[in-house]
N, C-alpha and C. Protein backbone atom coordinates (compact mmCIF):
# COMPACT_ATOMS: atom_id res chain seq x y z
N MET A 1 -4.49 -37.79 -0.52
CA MET A 1 -4.08 -37.02 0.64
C MET A 1 -4.55 -37.73 1.91
N PRO A 2 -3.64 -37.93 2.88
CA PRO A 2 -4.05 -38.59 4.12
C PRO A 2 -5.05 -37.76 4.91
N THR A 3 -5.80 -38.43 5.75
CA THR A 3 -6.75 -37.77 6.64
C THR A 3 -6.26 -37.88 8.07
N GLU A 4 -6.92 -37.17 8.98
CA GLU A 4 -6.50 -37.24 10.38
C GLU A 4 -6.68 -38.66 10.92
N LYS A 5 -5.81 -39.01 11.89
CA LYS A 5 -5.82 -40.36 12.47
C LYS A 5 -5.55 -40.27 13.96
N ARG A 6 -5.94 -41.29 14.69
CA ARG A 6 -5.56 -41.41 16.10
C ARG A 6 -4.33 -42.32 16.15
N LEU A 7 -3.21 -41.73 16.55
CA LEU A 7 -1.94 -42.45 16.61
C LEU A 7 -1.29 -42.18 17.96
N THR A 8 -0.36 -43.04 18.36
CA THR A 8 0.34 -42.79 19.61
C THR A 8 1.36 -41.67 19.41
N CYS A 9 1.54 -40.87 20.46
CA CYS A 9 2.48 -39.75 20.42
C CYS A 9 3.58 -40.01 21.44
N GLN A 10 4.82 -39.93 21.00
CA GLN A 10 5.97 -40.15 21.87
C GLN A 10 6.05 -39.09 22.97
N THR A 11 5.65 -37.88 22.68
CA THR A 11 5.71 -36.80 23.66
C THR A 11 4.54 -36.87 24.64
N CYS A 12 3.33 -37.05 24.14
CA CYS A 12 2.14 -37.09 25.00
C CYS A 12 2.00 -38.42 25.72
N ARG A 13 2.65 -39.45 25.20
CA ARG A 13 2.60 -40.80 25.78
C ARG A 13 1.17 -41.35 25.83
N ALA A 14 0.44 -41.08 24.78
CA ALA A 14 -0.94 -41.56 24.68
C ALA A 14 -1.35 -41.56 23.21
N GLU A 15 -2.49 -42.18 22.93
CA GLU A 15 -3.05 -42.14 21.59
C GLU A 15 -3.79 -40.82 21.44
N GLU A 16 -3.36 -40.01 20.48
CA GLU A 16 -3.92 -38.67 20.28
C GLU A 16 -4.26 -38.46 18.81
N LYS A 17 -5.04 -37.41 18.54
CA LYS A 17 -5.39 -37.06 17.16
C LYS A 17 -4.15 -36.49 16.47
N HIS A 18 -3.88 -36.98 15.28
CA HIS A 18 -2.78 -36.50 14.43
C HIS A 18 -3.35 -36.07 13.09
N GLU A 19 -2.81 -35.00 12.57
CA GLU A 19 -3.23 -34.48 11.26
C GLU A 19 -2.06 -34.52 10.29
N PRO A 20 -2.36 -34.67 8.98
CA PRO A 20 -1.29 -34.61 7.99
C PRO A 20 -0.71 -33.20 7.94
N LEU A 21 0.52 -33.09 7.46
CA LEU A 21 1.19 -31.80 7.39
C LEU A 21 0.61 -30.94 6.26
N THR A 22 0.59 -29.63 6.50
CA THR A 22 0.19 -28.68 5.47
C THR A 22 1.35 -28.49 4.50
N THR A 23 1.13 -27.77 3.44
CA THR A 23 2.19 -27.50 2.46
C THR A 23 3.36 -26.77 3.11
N ASN A 24 3.09 -25.74 3.91
CA ASN A 24 4.17 -24.99 4.58
C ASN A 24 4.94 -25.87 5.55
N GLU A 25 4.25 -26.74 6.26
CA GLU A 25 4.90 -27.64 7.22
C GLU A 25 5.77 -28.66 6.49
N ARG A 26 5.28 -29.16 5.38
CA ARG A 26 6.07 -30.11 4.58
C ARG A 26 7.32 -29.44 4.03
N THR A 27 7.20 -28.18 3.60
CA THR A 27 8.36 -27.44 3.10
C THR A 27 9.39 -27.27 4.22
N TRP A 28 8.94 -26.90 5.43
CA TRP A 28 9.84 -26.73 6.56
C TRP A 28 10.56 -28.05 6.87
N LEU A 29 9.82 -29.16 6.90
CA LEU A 29 10.42 -30.46 7.21
C LEU A 29 11.39 -30.88 6.11
N ARG A 30 11.05 -30.64 4.87
CA ARG A 30 11.95 -30.96 3.75
C ARG A 30 13.28 -30.22 3.92
N GLU A 31 13.22 -28.95 4.32
CA GLU A 31 14.45 -28.18 4.54
C GLU A 31 15.24 -28.72 5.73
N GLN A 32 14.57 -29.17 6.77
CA GLN A 32 15.23 -29.73 7.95
C GLN A 32 15.93 -31.06 7.63
N LEU A 33 15.27 -31.89 6.84
CA LEU A 33 15.80 -33.22 6.55
C LEU A 33 16.75 -33.24 5.37
N GLY A 34 16.59 -32.28 4.46
CA GLY A 34 17.44 -32.25 3.27
C GLY A 34 17.06 -33.27 2.22
N ASN A 35 15.83 -33.78 2.30
CA ASN A 35 15.37 -34.72 1.29
C ASN A 35 13.85 -34.58 1.12
N PRO A 36 13.29 -35.18 0.07
CA PRO A 36 11.85 -35.06 -0.16
C PRO A 36 11.04 -35.64 1.01
N VAL A 37 9.87 -35.07 1.24
CA VAL A 37 8.99 -35.50 2.31
C VAL A 37 7.72 -36.08 1.69
N SER A 38 7.38 -37.29 2.11
CA SER A 38 6.19 -37.95 1.57
C SER A 38 4.93 -37.50 2.31
N ASP A 39 3.79 -38.03 1.90
CA ASP A 39 2.52 -37.74 2.56
C ASP A 39 2.35 -38.57 3.83
N ASN A 40 3.38 -39.26 4.26
CA ASN A 40 3.30 -40.20 5.37
C ASN A 40 3.57 -39.55 6.74
N TYR A 41 3.84 -38.25 6.79
CA TYR A 41 4.14 -37.57 8.05
C TYR A 41 2.88 -36.96 8.66
N PHE A 42 2.80 -37.05 9.99
CA PHE A 42 1.67 -36.52 10.74
C PHE A 42 2.17 -35.72 11.92
N LYS A 43 1.36 -34.75 12.38
CA LYS A 43 1.68 -33.95 13.57
C LYS A 43 0.62 -34.21 14.63
N CYS A 44 1.05 -34.28 15.88
CA CYS A 44 0.12 -34.45 17.00
C CYS A 44 -0.54 -33.10 17.27
N VAL A 45 -1.85 -33.08 17.38
CA VAL A 45 -2.57 -31.83 17.61
C VAL A 45 -3.22 -31.79 19.00
N ASN A 46 -2.68 -32.59 19.91
CA ASN A 46 -3.15 -32.59 21.30
C ASN A 46 -2.72 -31.28 21.97
N VAL A 47 -3.62 -30.68 22.77
CA VAL A 47 -3.29 -29.46 23.51
C VAL A 47 -2.63 -29.86 24.82
N ARG A 48 -1.39 -29.39 25.02
CA ARG A 48 -0.62 -29.70 26.22
C ARG A 48 -1.15 -28.91 27.41
N PRO A 49 -0.76 -29.29 28.64
CA PRO A 49 -1.20 -28.56 29.83
C PRO A 49 -0.82 -27.07 29.83
N ASP A 50 0.26 -26.71 29.12
CA ASP A 50 0.65 -25.30 29.05
C ASP A 50 -0.14 -24.50 28.01
N GLY A 51 -1.10 -25.16 27.35
CA GLY A 51 -1.97 -24.49 26.39
C GLY A 51 -1.49 -24.51 24.96
N LYS A 52 -0.28 -25.00 24.71
CA LYS A 52 0.26 -25.08 23.35
C LYS A 52 -0.10 -26.43 22.73
N VAL A 53 -0.12 -26.47 21.41
CA VAL A 53 -0.37 -27.72 20.69
C VAL A 53 0.94 -28.50 20.64
N CYS A 54 0.89 -29.81 20.81
CA CYS A 54 2.08 -30.66 20.88
C CYS A 54 2.97 -30.53 19.63
N LEU A 55 2.42 -30.79 18.45
CA LEU A 55 3.12 -30.69 17.16
C LEU A 55 4.29 -31.64 16.99
N ASN A 56 4.33 -32.73 17.77
CA ASN A 56 5.36 -33.75 17.59
C ASN A 56 5.13 -34.45 16.25
N LEU A 57 6.21 -34.73 15.54
CA LEU A 57 6.11 -35.36 14.22
C LEU A 57 6.37 -36.85 14.29
N ARG A 58 5.68 -37.58 13.44
CA ARG A 58 5.90 -39.02 13.29
C ARG A 58 5.40 -39.43 11.92
N THR A 59 5.74 -40.64 11.51
CA THR A 59 5.16 -41.18 10.29
C THR A 59 4.01 -42.10 10.68
N HIS A 60 3.22 -42.47 9.72
CA HIS A 60 2.07 -43.33 10.01
C HIS A 60 2.50 -44.64 10.67
N GLY A 61 3.58 -45.23 10.19
CA GLY A 61 3.97 -46.54 10.68
C GLY A 61 4.94 -46.57 11.84
N HIS A 62 5.54 -45.42 12.20
CA HIS A 62 6.58 -45.41 13.23
C HIS A 62 6.37 -44.25 14.21
N GLU A 63 6.09 -44.59 15.47
CA GLU A 63 5.94 -43.57 16.50
C GLU A 63 7.26 -42.82 16.71
N LYS A 64 8.37 -43.55 16.73
CA LYS A 64 9.68 -42.94 16.96
C LYS A 64 10.46 -42.92 15.64
N HIS A 65 9.95 -42.20 14.67
CA HIS A 65 10.57 -42.15 13.35
C HIS A 65 11.94 -41.46 13.41
N PHE A 66 12.06 -40.42 14.23
CA PHE A 66 13.31 -39.67 14.35
C PHE A 66 14.07 -40.15 15.58
N ARG A 67 15.38 -40.14 15.52
CA ARG A 67 16.20 -40.57 16.66
C ARG A 67 15.90 -39.71 17.88
N LEU A 68 15.87 -38.41 17.70
CA LEU A 68 15.45 -37.47 18.73
C LEU A 68 14.08 -36.95 18.32
N THR A 69 13.23 -36.65 19.29
CA THR A 69 11.90 -36.16 18.92
C THR A 69 12.03 -34.89 18.10
N LYS A 70 11.17 -34.76 17.13
CA LYS A 70 11.16 -33.58 16.25
C LYS A 70 9.74 -33.04 16.25
N ARG A 71 9.63 -31.73 16.47
CA ARG A 71 8.30 -31.12 16.45
C ARG A 71 8.37 -29.89 15.56
N LEU A 72 7.18 -29.52 15.08
CA LEU A 72 7.07 -28.31 14.27
C LEU A 72 7.21 -27.09 15.16
N PRO A 73 7.74 -26.00 14.64
CA PRO A 73 7.79 -24.75 15.42
C PRO A 73 6.38 -24.23 15.68
N ASP A 74 6.18 -23.59 16.83
CA ASP A 74 4.87 -23.07 17.20
C ASP A 74 4.36 -22.01 16.22
N ASP A 75 5.27 -21.23 15.64
CA ASP A 75 4.87 -20.11 14.79
C ASP A 75 4.79 -20.43 13.31
N LEU A 76 4.84 -21.69 12.95
CA LEU A 76 4.80 -22.09 11.53
C LEU A 76 3.35 -22.20 11.06
N GLU A 77 2.95 -21.38 10.13
CA GLU A 77 1.63 -21.46 9.51
C GLU A 77 1.61 -20.73 8.22
């Protein structure tokens, strides 16, 4: 299982702490993509100026993995 990492975030435009996806988050992403999701996905956990967590998704090796930015829903837990 991957551990948290400092990776660049396309939304925050900086190197921020990223955490691996939880089981529920992986299930949500699998449904969105329509294919299996590996352990290679991470979410940005930086707190934005509006007080919400960024939740932008990326893979370990690619900051811009998705053509359009994709983030987890705020209410997913």
